C-alpha atoms as a PDB file:
ATOM      1  CA  MET A   1      -6.656  -8.499  -0.123  1.00  0.00           C
ATOM      2  CA  ASP A   2      -6.086  -4.754  -0.317  1.00  0.00           C
ATOM      3  CA  ILE A   3      -3.335  -2.816   1.456  1.00  0.00           C
ATOM      4  CA  GLY A   4      -5.651  -1.670   4.268  1.00  0.00           C
ATOM      5  CA  GLN A   5      -6.748  -5.209   5.033  1.00  0.00           C
ATOM      6  CA  ARG A   6      -3.122  -6.354   4.957  1.00  0.00           C
ATOM      7  CA  ILE A   7      -2.104  -3.609   7.427  1.00  0.00           C
ATOM      8  CA  ALA A   8      -4.945  -4.581   9.773  1.00  0.00           C
ATOM      9  CA  GLU A   9      -4.063  -8.276   9.547  1.00  0.00           C
ATOM     10  CA  LEU A  10      -0.369  -7.655  10.183  1.00  0.00           C
ATOM     11  CA  ARG A  11      -1.164  -5.337  13.100  1.00  0.00           C
ATOM     12  CA  ARG A  12      -3.393  -7.938  14.720  1.00  0.00           C
ATOM     13  CA  SER A  13      -0.865 -10.729  14.108  1.00  0.00           C
ATOM     14  CA  LYS A  14       1.748  -8.648  15.965  1.00  0.00           C
ATOM     15  CA  GLY A  15      -0.698  -8.105  18.839  1.00  0.00           C
ATOM     16  CA  LEU A  16      -0.745  -4.323  18.367  1.00  0.00           C
ATOM     17  CA  THR A  17      -3.587  -1.890  18.865  1.00  0.00           C
ATOM     18  CA  GLN A  18      -4.123   0.897  16.354  1.00  0.00           C
ATOM     19  CA  SER A  19      -2.706   3.318  18.928  1.00  0.00           C
ATOM     20  CA  GLU A  20       0.425   1.215  19.436  1.00  0.00           C
ATOM     21  CA  LEU A  21       1.019   0.963  15.690  1.00  0.00           C
ATOM     22  CA  GLY A  22       0.441   4.697  15.386  1.00  0.00           C
ATOM     23  CA  ARG A  23       3.130   5.352  17.985  1.00  0.00           C
ATOM     24  CA  ARG A  24       5.560   3.018  16.188  1.00  0.00           C
ATOM     25  CA  ILE A  25       5.104   4.857  12.894  1.00  0.00           C
ATOM     26  CA  LYS A  26       4.858   8.274  14.576  1.00  0.00           C
ATOM     27  CA  ARG A  27       1.307   8.868  13.398  1.00  0.00           C
ATOM     28  CA  SER A  28      -2.108   9.041  15.052  1.00  0.00           C
ATOM     29  CA  ARG A  29      -4.445   6.169  15.825  1.00  0.00           C
ATOM     30  CA  SER A  30      -7.013   7.782  13.556  1.00  0.00           C
ATOM     31  CA  LEU A  31      -4.599   7.664  10.606  1.00  0.00           C
ATOM     32  CA  VAL A  32      -4.013   3.953  11.246  1.00  0.00           C
ATOM     33  CA  SER A  33      -7.789   3.480  11.263  1.00  0.00           C
ATOM     34  CA  ARG A  34      -8.123   5.353   7.956  1.00  0.00           C
ATOM     35  CA  LEU A  35      -5.282   3.286   6.428  1.00  0.00           C
ATOM     36  CA  GLU A  36      -6.964   0.057   7.473  1.00  0.00           C
ATOM     37  CA  SER A  37     -10.375   1.139   6.166  1.00  0.00           C
ATOM     38  CA  GLY A  38      -8.920   2.170   2.817  1.00  0.00           C
ATOM     39  CA  ALA A  39      -9.859   5.827   3.249  1.00  0.00           C
ATOM     40  CA  VAL A  40      -6.150   6.742   2.998  1.00  0.00           C
ATOM     41  CA  THR A  41      -3.574   5.107   0.737  1.00  0.00           C
ATOM     42  CA  PRO A  42      -0.060   5.003   2.205  1.00  0.00           C
ATOM     43  CA  ASN A  43       2.715   6.799   0.325  1.00  0.00           C
ATOM     44  CA  TYR A  44       6.225   5.371   0.059  1.00  0.00           C
ATOM     45  CA  THR A  45       7.412   6.988   3.297  1.00  0.00           C
ATOM     46  CA  MET A  46       4.428   5.521   5.145  1.00  0.00           C
ATOM     47  CA  LEU A  47       5.013   2.097   3.554  1.00  0.00           C
ATOM     48  CA  ARG A  48       8.617   2.161   4.777  1.00  0.00           C
ATOM     49  CA  ALA A  49       7.513   3.069   8.311  1.00  0.00           C
ATOM     50  CA  LEU A  50       4.884   0.312   8.319  1.00  0.00           C
ATOM     51  CA  ALA A  51       7.328  -2.267   6.987  1.00  0.00           C
ATOM     52  CA  GLU A  52       9.818  -1.322   9.685  1.00  0.00           C
ATOM     53  CA  ALA A  53       7.133  -1.530  12.390  1.00  0.00           C
ATOM     54  CA  PHE A  54       6.127  -5.002  11.189  1.00  0.00           C
ATOM     55  CA  ASP A  55       9.744  -6.069  10.550  1.00  0.00           C
ATOM     56  CA  ILE A  56       8.990  -7.075   6.954  1.00  0.00           C
ATOM     57  CA  PRO A  57      10.149  -5.786   3.563  1.00  0.00           C
ATOM     58  CA  VAL A  58       8.024  -3.119   1.837  1.00  0.00           C
ATOM     59  CA  THR A  59       7.314  -5.596  -0.954  1.00  0.00           C
ATOM     60  CA  ALA A  60       5.529  -7.857   1.539  1.00  0.00           C
ATOM     61  CA  LEU A  61       3.014  -5.073   2.174  1.00  0.00           C
ATOM     62  CA  LEU A  62       2.396  -4.719  -1.557  1.00  0.00           C
ATOM     63  CA  ALA A  63       2.258  -8.425  -2.468  1.00  0.00           C
ATOM     64  CA  ASP A  64      -0.962 -10.052  -3.613  1.00  0.00           C
ATOM     65  CA  ASP A  65      -0.688 -12.747  -0.941  1.00  0.00           C
ATOM     66  CA  PRO A  66       0.191 -12.125   2.698  1.00  0.00           C
ATOM     67  CA  PRO A  67       3.726 -13.293   3.578  1.00  0.00           C
ATOM     68  CA  GLU A  68       2.479 -16.149   5.771  1.00  0.00           C
ATOM     69  CA  GLN A  69       0.453 -17.607   2.862  1.00  0.00           C
ATOM     70  CA  ARG A  70       3.270 -17.582   0.291  1.00  0.00           C
ATOM     71  CA  LYS A  71       4.760 -20.841  -0.834  1.00  0.00           C
ATOM     72  CA  PRO A  72       8.557 -21.074  -0.815  1.00  0.00           C
ATOM     73  CA  ALA A  73      10.169 -20.839  -4.264  1.00  0.00           C
END
């Protein structure tokens, strides 16, 4: 799963629209759409804002497996 797909999945799991996520990260709905489609790759500042909006660590956005599919260590 790529970062855009992960953002879209997390957004939907939180029950947010693209507009609502955009407001939380102080960006436009169209930027959220471009992030989810893979047209734009988030920089570190954007990753931090997304992680804060989803209440997860930045590393969870970058992991190969979504947080809910990870097995406990």
